[in-house]
Protein backbone atom coordinates (compact mmCIF):
# COMPACT_ATOMS: atom_id res chain seq x y z
CA MET A 1 139.56 115.45 81.42
CA ARG A 2 138.62 112.67 79.10
CA GLY A 3 138.27 110.19 81.96
CA TYR A 4 135.77 112.52 83.73
CA LYS A 5 133.54 112.57 80.64
CA HIS A 6 133.36 108.75 80.72
CA ILE A 7 132.62 108.78 84.44
CA LEU A 8 129.90 111.37 84.01
CA ILE A 9 128.35 109.40 81.11
CA LEU A 10 128.49 106.22 83.20
CA VAL A 11 126.85 107.96 86.17
CA PHE A 12 124.15 109.40 83.89
CA ILE A 13 123.36 105.99 82.41
CA VAL A 14 123.20 104.30 85.86
CA PHE A 15 120.83 107.00 87.24
CA THR A 16 118.68 106.96 84.09
CA SER A 17 118.32 103.20 84.08
CA PHE A 18 117.56 103.25 87.82
CA SER A 19 114.76 105.77 87.41
CA VAL A 20 113.25 103.86 84.49
CA SER A 21 113.35 100.54 86.35
CA SER A 22 111.97 102.02 89.50
CA GLN A 23 108.88 103.33 87.54
CA SER A 24 108.07 99.74 86.46
CA ILE A 25 108.18 98.28 89.97
CA SER A 26 104.78 97.16 91.26
CA TYR A 27 103.54 97.81 94.80
CA VAL A 28 101.58 95.62 97.22
CA GLY A 29 100.34 96.84 100.60
CA GLN A 30 97.52 96.64 103.12
CA ILE A 31 94.73 99.17 102.69
CA GLY A 32 95.33 102.01 105.08
CA GLN A 33 99.06 101.64 105.43
CA ASN A 34 100.19 104.06 102.69
CA GLN A 35 97.11 106.27 102.32
CA LYS A 36 98.69 109.01 100.18
CA LYS A 37 100.03 106.50 97.65
CA TYR A 38 96.66 104.72 97.61
CA GLU A 39 94.73 107.93 97.01
CA LYS A 40 97.04 108.91 94.22
CA ILE A 41 96.59 105.60 92.32
CA VAL A 42 92.83 105.74 92.88
CA ALA A 43 92.74 109.11 91.24
CA SER A 44 94.84 107.95 88.29
CA HIS A 45 92.88 104.70 87.66
CA GLN A 46 89.30 105.87 87.74
CA MET A 47 87.76 103.46 85.22
CA GLN A 48 86.36 100.20 86.68
CA LEU A 49 86.90 96.70 85.41
CA LEU A 50 83.12 96.50 84.64
CA GLU A 51 83.43 99.58 82.35
CA VAL A 52 86.45 97.99 80.54
CA CYS A 53 84.25 94.91 79.99
CA ASP A 54 81.55 97.11 78.30
CA ASN A 55 79.36 96.74 81.43
CA ASN A 56 79.14 93.00 80.90
CA LEU A 57 78.87 91.65 84.46
CA ASP A 58 79.53 88.04 83.47
CA SER A 59 82.75 88.98 81.63
CA ALA A 60 84.04 91.13 84.52
CA TYR A 61 83.17 88.35 87.03
CA GLN A 62 85.01 85.71 84.98
CA ILE A 63 88.10 88.01 84.77
CA TRP A 64 88.01 88.43 88.58
CA ILE A 65 87.65 84.68 88.98
CA ASP A 66 90.71 84.27 86.73
CA VAL A 67 92.73 86.60 88.94
CA MET A 68 91.78 84.61 92.09
CA THR A 69 92.31 81.20 90.58
CA SER A 70 95.62 82.24 89.13
CA LEU A 71 96.68 83.56 92.51
CA GLU A 72 95.56 80.28 94.09
CA ASP A 73 97.45 78.26 91.49
CA TYR A 74 100.57 80.39 92.01
CA SER A 75 100.34 79.96 95.82
CA GLU A 76 100.19 76.19 95.38
CA SER A 77 103.17 76.24 93.01
CA VAL A 78 105.29 77.93 95.69
CA ASN A 79 103.87 75.79 98.54
CA PHE A 80 101.96 78.64 100.20
CA ASP A 81 98.64 77.63 101.80
CA LEU A 82 95.90 80.24 101.14
CA LYS A 83 93.06 77.93 102.33
CA GLY A 84 90.81 79.92 104.72
CA VAL A 85 92.18 83.29 103.74
CA LYS A 86 89.51 85.90 103.00
CA MET A 87 90.29 89.45 102.10
CA TRP A 88 89.25 92.56 100.28
CA MET A 89 91.50 93.26 97.30
CA HIS A 90 91.83 96.49 95.24
CA ILE A 91 93.90 96.06 92.08
CA PHE A 92 95.10 98.70 89.64
CA VAL A 93 95.85 97.56 86.13
CA GLN A 94 97.95 99.24 83.55
CA ASP A 95 99.32 97.85 80.28
CA GLY A 96 98.08 94.33 81.03
CA LYS A 97 99.83 94.10 84.39
CA ILE A 98 98.66 94.67 87.98
CA LYS A 99 100.56 97.86 88.78
CA GLU A 100 99.46 98.08 92.41
CA LEU A 101 97.49 95.82 94.74
CA TYR A 102 96.07 96.62 98.11
CA PHE A 103 94.39 94.15 100.40
CA HIS A 104 92.72 93.99 103.79
CA PRO A 105 92.04 90.72 105.67
CA LYS A 106 88.43 90.12 106.55
CA LEU A 107 87.43 89.46 110.15
CA ASN A 108 86.48 85.88 109.41
CA SER A 109 89.78 85.18 107.59
CA ARG A 110 92.17 82.48 108.79
CA ASN A 111 94.55 83.98 111.29
CA MET A 112 98.08 84.18 109.85
CA ASP A 113 101.09 86.35 109.26
CA PHE A 114 99.81 88.67 106.55
CA SER A 115 103.32 90.01 105.84
CA LYS A 116 103.83 86.60 104.17
CA VAL A 117 100.65 87.11 102.11
CA ASN A 118 102.09 90.52 101.15
CA THR A 119 105.28 88.82 99.92
CA LEU A 120 103.26 86.25 97.95
CA LEU A 121 101.17 88.93 96.28
CA GLU A 122 104.34 90.92 95.38
CA LYS A 123 105.76 87.89 93.58
CA PHE A 124 102.41 86.98 91.98
CA ILE A 125 101.82 90.36 90.37
CA GLN A 126 105.32 90.28 88.88
CA THR A 127 104.33 87.17 86.84
CA TYR A 128 100.60 87.62 86.21
CA GLU A 129 99.36 88.77 82.85
CA PHE A 130 95.88 90.32 82.99
CA PRO A 131 93.45 88.39 80.67
CA ILE A 132 92.28 91.50 78.90
CA LYS A 133 94.33 94.20 77.23
CA SER A 134 93.17 97.79 77.62
CA THR A 135 94.62 101.08 76.58
CA VAL A 136 93.20 102.73 79.70
CA LYS A 137 94.20 102.36 83.33
CA PHE A 138 91.50 100.73 85.44
CA ASN A 139 90.88 99.24 88.87
CA HIS A 140 88.74 96.61 90.53
CA TYR A 141 87.73 96.32 94.20
CA GLY A 142 86.47 92.91 95.17
CA SER A 143 86.31 90.10 97.68
CA ALA A 144 88.70 87.14 97.52
CA SER A 145 88.26 83.86 99.38
CA PHE A 146 90.34 80.77 99.14
CA PRO A 147 89.92 78.10 98.01
CA VAL A 148 88.04 79.56 95.02
CA PHE A 149 84.84 77.54 94.62
CA SER A 150 83.57 79.19 91.48
CA ILE A 151 83.57 77.36 88.22
CA ARG A 152 85.15 79.13 85.27
CA TYR A 153 82.94 79.26 82.11
CA GLN A 154 85.59 77.53 80.04
CA ASP A 155 85.77 74.69 82.58
CA PHE A 156 81.95 74.43 82.62
CA GLU A 157 81.63 74.23 78.84
CA LYS A 158 83.80 71.14 78.62
């Protein structure tokens, strides 16, 4: 009888830790592939990046540039060539991390296997720390083109 209690406790701990860890897993997908999941996250992250930046367009733009240049830097560090890739990206941020990311290649993007881009994005959002901290969930829908030709303000000021 005593052995059964230990087994039940062990099973409970395993299932509890699995459910907690599965909640922290991020998701990456192409827009339109998992529509119900996409609609659910859109409904739960209604605030926009611009609102989180107190409607300061320059600040929101610089944060978006930081996301793209960080992605470009990450891709170079893992020897993945993003040059010529153009896509729409929709990110959902929670607790300083990108919780979910959806993308769609633009028609004028370089032709490539976008399942590899999906894998790259999955790994990137596991490591990326969003440059602003917010207590609210928010999203941003924007265009991304690589290489990133924009100059960051901090680079310009030097």
